[in-house]
Structures are given as structure tokens and as C-alpha cells.
N, C-alpha and C. Protein backbone atom coordinates (compact mmCIF):
# COMPACT_ATOMS: atom_id res chain seq x y z
N MET A 1 151.88 150.34 122.78
CA MET A 1 151.78 151.73 123.13
C MET A 1 152.52 152.54 122.08
N ILE A 2 151.89 153.57 121.57
CA ILE A 2 152.47 154.36 120.49
C ILE A 2 153.70 155.12 120.97
N PHE A 3 153.59 155.78 122.11
CA PHE A 3 154.68 156.60 122.61
C PHE A 3 155.39 155.91 123.77
N GLY A 4 155.72 154.65 123.64
CA GLY A 4 156.35 153.87 124.69
C GLY A 4 157.75 154.33 125.03
N LYS A 5 158.44 154.95 124.07
CA LYS A 5 159.81 155.38 124.32
C LYS A 5 159.89 156.61 125.22
N ILE A 6 158.77 157.27 125.49
CA ILE A 6 158.80 158.45 126.38
C ILE A 6 159.28 158.06 127.77
N TRP A 7 159.02 156.81 128.16
CA TRP A 7 159.40 156.39 129.51
C TRP A 7 160.90 156.12 129.65
N THR A 8 161.63 156.16 128.52
CA THR A 8 163.09 156.11 128.62
C THR A 8 163.65 157.48 128.96
N VAL A 9 162.86 158.54 128.75
CA VAL A 9 163.29 159.91 129.04
C VAL A 9 162.70 160.38 130.36
N VAL A 10 161.42 160.09 130.57
CA VAL A 10 160.72 160.52 131.78
C VAL A 10 160.34 159.27 132.58
N SER A 11 160.66 159.28 133.84
CA SER A 11 160.32 158.15 134.71
C SER A 11 158.81 158.08 134.91
N PRO A 12 158.21 156.89 134.87
CA PRO A 12 156.77 156.78 135.10
C PRO A 12 156.34 157.28 136.47
N SER A 13 157.23 157.21 137.45
CA SER A 13 156.85 157.70 138.79
C SER A 13 156.77 159.22 138.82
N VAL A 14 157.30 159.89 137.82
CA VAL A 14 157.19 161.35 137.70
C VAL A 14 156.15 161.71 136.64
N GLY A 15 156.19 161.03 135.51
CA GLY A 15 155.33 161.38 134.38
C GLY A 15 153.86 161.14 134.61
N ILE A 16 153.50 160.03 135.22
CA ILE A 16 152.08 159.72 135.43
C ILE A 16 151.42 160.70 136.41
N PRO A 17 152.00 160.96 137.59
CA PRO A 17 151.39 161.97 138.47
C PRO A 17 151.36 163.36 137.85
N LEU A 18 152.38 163.69 137.06
CA LEU A 18 152.40 164.99 136.39
C LEU A 18 151.26 165.10 135.38
N PHE A 19 151.05 164.04 134.61
CA PHE A 19 149.96 164.01 133.64
C PHE A 19 148.60 164.09 134.33
N LEU A 20 148.40 163.29 135.36
CA LEU A 20 147.12 163.30 136.07
C LEU A 20 146.88 164.64 136.77
N GLY A 21 147.94 165.25 137.28
CA GLY A 21 147.81 166.57 137.89
C GLY A 21 147.41 167.63 136.86
N ALA A 22 148.00 167.54 135.66
CA ALA A 22 147.65 168.48 134.60
C ALA A 22 146.18 168.31 134.18
N VAL A 23 145.71 167.08 134.12
CA VAL A 23 144.30 166.82 133.79
C VAL A 23 143.39 167.40 134.87
N ALA A 24 143.75 167.22 136.13
CA ALA A 24 142.94 167.74 137.24
C ALA A 24 142.90 169.26 137.23
N VAL A 25 144.03 169.90 137.00
CA VAL A 25 144.08 171.38 136.98
C VAL A 25 143.27 171.91 135.80
N THR A 26 143.38 171.28 134.65
CA THR A 26 142.61 171.71 133.48
C THR A 26 141.12 171.54 133.72
N SER A 27 140.71 170.43 134.27
CA SER A 27 139.30 170.19 134.55
C SER A 27 138.76 171.21 135.55
N PHE A 28 139.52 171.47 136.60
CA PHE A 28 139.10 172.45 137.60
C PHE A 28 138.96 173.84 136.98
N SER A 29 139.91 174.23 136.13
CA SER A 29 139.84 175.56 135.53
C SER A 29 138.67 175.70 134.57
N VAL A 30 138.34 174.64 133.84
CA VAL A 30 137.19 174.68 132.94
C VAL A 30 135.89 174.82 133.75
N HIS A 31 135.76 174.04 134.82
CA HIS A 31 134.56 174.13 135.63
C HIS A 31 134.45 175.48 136.33
N LEU A 32 135.55 176.02 136.78
CA LEU A 32 135.55 177.34 137.41
C LEU A 32 135.13 178.42 136.41
N ALA A 33 135.62 178.32 135.19
CA ALA A 33 135.24 179.28 134.15
C ALA A 33 133.75 179.18 133.84
N LEU A 34 133.20 177.97 133.80
CA LEU A 34 131.76 177.81 133.55
C LEU A 34 130.93 178.43 134.68
N VAL A 35 131.33 178.19 135.91
CA VAL A 35 130.57 178.73 137.04
C VAL A 35 130.65 180.24 137.07
N ASN A 36 131.79 180.82 136.75
CA ASN A 36 131.95 182.27 136.80
C ASN A 36 131.32 183.00 135.63
N ASN A 37 131.16 182.34 134.48
CA ASN A 37 130.71 183.03 133.28
C ASN A 37 129.31 182.69 132.83
N THR A 38 128.58 181.89 133.59
CA THR A 38 127.19 181.59 133.25
C THR A 38 126.31 181.86 134.46
N THR A 39 125.05 182.15 134.20
CA THR A 39 124.12 182.40 135.29
C THR A 39 123.32 181.16 135.65
N TRP A 40 123.07 180.30 134.68
CA TRP A 40 122.19 179.16 134.96
C TRP A 40 122.87 178.09 135.81
N ILE A 41 124.19 177.96 135.75
CA ILE A 41 124.86 176.95 136.59
C ILE A 41 124.78 177.34 138.05
N LYS A 42 124.98 178.64 138.36
CA LYS A 42 124.87 179.09 139.75
C LYS A 42 123.46 178.86 140.27
N ALA A 43 122.46 179.18 139.45
CA ALA A 43 121.07 178.97 139.87
C ALA A 43 120.78 177.49 140.07
N TYR A 44 121.32 176.64 139.21
CA TYR A 44 121.10 175.20 139.33
C TYR A 44 121.74 174.66 140.61
N HIS A 45 122.94 175.10 140.91
CA HIS A 45 123.61 174.63 142.11
C HIS A 45 122.96 175.17 143.38
N ASN A 46 122.25 176.28 143.28
CA ASN A 46 121.54 176.83 144.44
C ASN A 46 120.14 176.25 144.58
N GLY A 47 119.75 175.32 143.72
CA GLY A 47 118.49 174.62 143.88
C GLY A 47 117.38 175.06 142.95
N ALA A 48 117.63 176.00 142.09
CA ALA A 48 116.60 176.43 141.14
C ALA A 48 116.64 175.49 139.94
N GLY A 49 115.63 174.67 139.82
CA GLY A 49 115.58 173.73 138.71
C GLY A 49 115.19 174.43 137.42
N ALA A 50 115.31 173.74 136.32
CA ALA A 50 114.93 174.30 135.04
C ALA A 50 113.42 174.41 134.96
N LYS A 51 112.97 175.50 134.35
CA LYS A 51 111.53 175.68 134.14
C LYS A 51 111.09 174.84 132.95
N PRO A 52 109.87 174.32 132.97
CA PRO A 52 109.37 173.63 131.79
C PRO A 52 109.33 174.58 130.59
N ALA A 53 109.44 174.05 129.40
CA ALA A 53 109.53 174.88 128.20
C ALA A 53 108.32 175.79 128.04
N ALA A 54 107.12 175.30 128.35
CA ALA A 54 105.92 176.11 128.18
C ALA A 54 105.93 177.32 129.12
N VAL A 55 106.38 177.14 130.34
CA VAL A 55 106.44 178.24 131.29
C VAL A 55 107.51 179.24 130.87
N ALA A 56 108.63 178.75 130.40
CA ALA A 56 109.70 179.63 129.96
C ALA A 56 109.27 180.43 128.74
N MET A 57 108.56 179.80 127.82
CA MET A 57 108.09 180.50 126.62
C MET A 57 107.04 181.54 126.99
N ALA A 58 106.14 181.21 127.90
CA ALA A 58 105.09 182.15 128.29
C ALA A 58 105.68 183.35 129.02
N ALA A 59 106.71 183.13 129.80
CA ALA A 59 107.33 184.23 130.54
C ALA A 59 108.11 185.14 129.60
N ALA A 60 108.63 184.60 128.52
CA ALA A 60 109.42 185.40 127.60
C ALA A 60 108.56 186.14 126.57
N ALA A 61 107.32 185.68 126.35
CA ALA A 61 106.46 186.29 125.34
C ALA A 61 105.88 187.60 125.86
N PRO A 62 105.74 188.58 124.97
CA PRO A 62 105.13 189.84 125.40
C PRO A 62 103.63 189.64 125.67
N PRO A 63 103.06 190.43 126.56
CA PRO A 63 101.63 190.26 126.85
C PRO A 63 100.77 190.59 125.64
N ILE A 64 99.65 189.88 125.52
CA ILE A 64 98.74 190.12 124.41
C ILE A 64 97.76 191.20 124.82
N GLU A 65 97.70 192.22 124.00
CA GLU A 65 96.79 193.34 124.30
C GLU A 65 95.47 193.17 123.55
N ALA A 66 94.41 193.60 124.20
CA ALA A 66 93.10 193.53 123.56
C ALA A 66 93.03 194.57 122.45
N PRO A 67 92.33 194.24 121.33
CA PRO A 67 92.21 195.21 120.25
C PRO A 67 91.37 196.42 120.71
N VAL A 68 91.75 197.56 120.21
CA VAL A 68 91.07 198.79 120.57
C VAL A 68 89.92 199.01 119.59
N LYS A 69 88.68 199.21 120.12
CA LYS A 69 87.52 199.46 119.29
C LYS A 69 87.43 200.93 118.98
N LYS A 70 87.09 201.25 117.71
CA LYS A 70 86.96 202.65 117.29
C LYS A 70 85.53 203.05 117.17
């Protein structure tokens, strides 16, 4: 172990739960930020699946207008 001497300063019964708690809090905050700052995650969690690429492209494209005859 590279940092094996840390356990002479911090007891493993304190350090390990503290480390795992910090990982859990960080993970929760990242996931909360993603849910609050994106629209597609909320839609996905509410059951709206991803649209196929062809449908998404067709919906985003402007309508084609017929040429005007003079």
C-alpha cells in the first residue's frame, strides 16, 4: 500500500467510513446536479424513451415547401 502510514495517524475505524461517506456524498451531489440541470434525464426517468435518430432528425428539420410557379 502506497499510503500505509496514514493509518498510524487516522484509525481505520474512523478513516474508512469517512472515506466511503465522502464518496457517497460526492456521488449523490453529482447525480442531483445532473437531474436538476438536464431535461433528458427527467424525461427518461418519467418513462419517455429516446426517439430513434430518424424521427428526431425529421422533427428537427424545417418543413419542405413546394416551389412557387410563376
